[in-house]
Amino acid sequence: MSRLRQWWLYLLSKRSEVAALDYKDAYMGKVIMDIHRLRSDKAQALVPLRALQPIHRIDRESALQATRARAEALAARREELLARGRLDLAALSEIIPSVSQIKVVADGARWLAFEGNGRLYAMREAFGEDCELLVEVEEYRFPKPHKIQRRLRRIRKLNALE
């Protein structure tokens, strides 16, 4: 499938969520734009599932349905993936494809996922929150990460995750 078609289908799948947008979503959008604008580098990283933290809840029906379907797809391959010890980019793309990688910012001993929260919730459902399975993510880095980390923690607070 062409990249443009993937993006178009992705945008179409999000149209039902537009009506439910609120101030938390606007703030989150601004922070994500800042992450892309201010990053100094990005690199692939293998992070334990237990250390990956979402920045928002999955509470809209379309997102819940997608998360359930992803959790089922992961659960069907659970033993194989646990034996392998990792959920790398190739496996993620094959089992729960998406238009982008899971994108994170390190915050101490945890990584805050600003992209891929639905996939993260699906992994937690399939493997448990305390699972040591390594997940391949795209880590965004900053020369001075404190402002971005603080903003991501604020989003988590607005979503009652902190």
Protein backbone atom coordinates (compact mmCIF):
# COMPACT_ATOMS: atom_id res chain seq x y z
CA MET A 1 0.00 0.00 0.00
CA SER A 2 1.40 3.41 -0.88
CA ARG A 3 2.52 5.74 1.91
CA LEU A 4 0.03 8.42 0.83
CA ARG A 5 -2.84 5.93 0.90
CA GLN A 6 -1.78 4.79 4.40
CA TRP A 7 -1.87 8.37 5.66
CA TRP A 8 -5.22 9.00 4.01
CA LEU A 9 -6.74 5.89 5.62
CA TYR A 10 -5.20 6.88 8.95
CA LEU A 11 -6.76 10.37 8.76
CA LEU A 12 -10.12 8.93 7.77
CA SER A 13 -10.03 6.60 10.78
CA LYS A 14 -9.53 9.61 13.08
CA ARG A 15 -12.45 11.70 11.75
CA SER A 16 -14.89 10.44 14.40
CA GLU A 17 -12.51 11.63 17.11
CA VAL A 18 -12.42 15.25 15.88
CA ALA A 19 -15.81 16.14 17.40
CA ALA A 20 -14.64 14.92 20.81
CA LEU A 21 -11.50 17.07 20.92
CA ASP A 22 -11.01 19.26 24.00
CA TYR A 23 -8.35 21.49 25.57
CA LYS A 24 -6.23 18.46 26.60
CA ASP A 25 -6.04 17.39 22.95
CA ALA A 26 -5.09 20.89 21.79
CA TYR A 27 -2.34 21.09 24.41
CA MET A 28 -1.11 17.59 23.50
CA GLY A 29 -0.99 18.59 19.81
CA LYS A 30 1.11 21.63 20.62
CA VAL A 31 3.52 19.59 22.77
CA ILE A 32 3.93 16.98 20.02
CA MET A 33 4.68 19.74 17.49
CA ASP A 34 7.29 21.10 19.93
CA ILE A 35 8.84 17.64 20.27
CA HIS A 36 9.31 17.40 16.51
CA ARG A 37 10.55 20.99 16.27
CA LEU A 38 12.99 20.93 19.20
CA ARG A 39 14.51 17.45 19.01
CA SER A 40 18.22 17.26 18.40
CA ASP A 41 18.23 13.59 17.43
CA LYS A 42 16.15 10.45 17.23
CA ALA A 43 17.26 6.84 17.38
CA GLN A 44 15.92 3.32 17.63
CA ALA A 45 15.83 1.93 21.17
CA LEU A 46 14.75 -1.32 22.82
CA VAL A 47 12.72 -0.51 25.93
CA PRO A 48 11.07 -2.92 28.39
CA LEU A 49 7.29 -2.82 28.02
CA ARG A 50 6.93 -2.11 31.76
CA ALA A 51 8.94 1.13 31.31
CA LEU A 52 6.76 2.48 28.47
CA GLN A 53 4.10 4.86 29.74
CA PRO A 54 1.20 6.35 27.75
CA ILE A 55 0.53 10.08 27.86
CA HIS A 56 -3.22 9.74 27.39
CA ARG A 57 -6.03 7.27 27.91
CA ILE A 58 -7.74 5.33 25.15
CA ASP A 59 -11.38 6.18 25.76
CA ARG A 60 -13.00 6.89 22.41
CA GLU A 61 -14.96 4.02 20.89
CA SER A 62 -13.06 3.85 17.58
CA ALA A 63 -9.73 3.82 19.43
CA LEU A 64 -11.01 1.19 21.89
CA GLN A 65 -12.05 -1.07 19.01
CA ALA A 66 -8.66 -0.73 17.32
CA THR A 67 -6.90 -1.42 20.63
CA ARG A 68 -8.96 -4.57 21.25
CA ALA A 69 -8.22 -5.86 17.74
CA ARG A 70 -4.50 -5.20 18.22
CA ALA A 71 -4.51 -6.91 21.64
CA GLU A 72 -6.14 -9.99 20.08
CA ALA A 73 -3.54 -10.08 17.29
CA LEU A 74 -0.72 -9.86 19.85
CA ALA A 75 -2.32 -12.46 22.15
CA ALA A 76 -2.47 -14.91 19.25
CA ARG A 77 1.36 -14.72 19.02
CA ARG A 78 2.02 -14.15 22.74
CA GLU A 79 4.12 -17.25 23.49
CA GLU A 80 6.24 -16.85 20.36
CA LEU A 81 6.96 -13.18 21.15
CA LEU A 82 7.72 -13.85 24.82
CA ALA A 83 10.12 -16.64 23.81
CA ARG A 84 11.84 -14.24 21.40
CA GLY A 85 12.03 -11.63 24.19
CA ARG A 86 11.40 -8.68 21.95
CA LEU A 87 8.82 -7.01 19.82
CA ASP A 88 10.95 -5.39 17.14
CA LEU A 89 9.89 -3.09 14.35
CA ALA A 90 9.43 -5.94 11.88
CA ALA A 91 7.13 -7.86 14.25
CA LEU A 92 5.18 -4.70 15.17
CA SER A 93 4.68 -3.87 11.48
CA GLU A 94 3.54 -7.41 10.73
CA ILE A 95 1.22 -7.96 13.72
CA ILE A 96 -0.12 -4.48 14.51
CA PRO A 97 0.77 -2.23 11.55
CA SER A 98 0.56 1.54 11.79
CA VAL A 99 1.64 4.56 9.77
CA SER A 100 4.31 5.46 12.31
CA GLN A 101 6.52 3.90 14.94
CA ILE A 102 5.93 4.12 18.67
CA LYS A 103 7.65 7.41 19.52
CA VAL A 104 8.96 8.17 22.99
CA VAL A 105 10.83 10.65 25.16
CA ALA A 106 12.95 9.32 28.03
CA ASP A 107 11.92 10.62 31.46
CA GLY A 108 14.17 9.08 34.11
CA ALA A 109 13.67 5.31 34.20
CA ARG A 110 10.55 5.46 32.02
CA TRP A 111 9.79 6.39 28.43
CA LEU A 112 6.71 8.50 27.71
CA ALA A 113 4.97 7.47 24.49
CA PHE A 114 3.68 10.49 22.56
CA GLU A 115 2.81 8.38 19.51
CA GLY A 116 1.49 4.82 19.60
CA ASN A 117 -0.54 4.90 22.81
CA GLY A 118 -3.19 2.55 21.38
CA ARG A 119 -0.52 0.01 20.47
CA LEU A 120 1.00 0.39 23.92
CA TYR A 121 -2.34 -0.30 25.61
CA ALA A 122 -2.81 -3.34 23.36
CA MET A 123 0.62 -4.68 24.35
CA ARG A 124 -0.16 -4.16 28.03
CA GLU A 125 -3.43 -6.04 27.61
CA ALA A 126 -1.76 -8.92 25.78
CA PHE A 127 1.38 -9.22 27.95
CA GLY A 128 0.62 -7.40 31.23
CA GLU A 129 1.90 -4.04 32.47
CA ASP A 130 4.95 -5.48 34.25
CA CYS A 131 6.24 -7.47 31.27
CA GLU A 132 9.98 -7.35 30.53
CA LEU A 133 9.43 -7.89 26.78
CA LEU A 134 11.64 -5.43 24.89
CA VAL A 135 9.79 -3.16 22.47
CA GLU A 136 11.53 -1.31 19.63
CA VAL A 137 10.66 2.38 19.70
CA GLU A 138 11.86 5.61 18.18
CA GLU A 139 13.39 7.71 20.95
CA TYR A 140 13.43 11.50 20.51
CA ARG A 141 16.34 13.25 22.19
CA PHE A 142 16.93 16.84 23.27
CA PRO A 143 19.96 18.79 24.47
CA LYS A 144 17.86 20.05 27.41
CA PRO A 145 14.89 17.68 27.78
CA HIS A 146 13.44 19.14 31.00
CA LYS A 147 10.77 21.36 29.38
CA ILE A 148 9.49 18.60 27.09
CA GLN A 149 9.47 16.08 29.95
CA ARG A 150 7.55 18.52 32.15
CA ARG A 151 4.99 19.14 29.39
CA LEU A 152 4.50 15.40 28.83
CA ARG A 153 4.00 14.89 32.58
CA ARG A 154 1.42 17.70 32.48
CA ILE A 155 -0.46 15.91 29.70
CA ARG A 156 -0.40 12.71 31.80
CA LYS A 157 -1.77 14.70 34.75
CA LEU A 158 -4.55 16.22 32.62
CA ASN A 159 -5.47 12.65 31.62
CA ALA A 160 -5.38 11.43 35.25
CA LEU A 161 -2.37 9.17 34.64
CA GLU A 162 -0.18 10.90 37.28
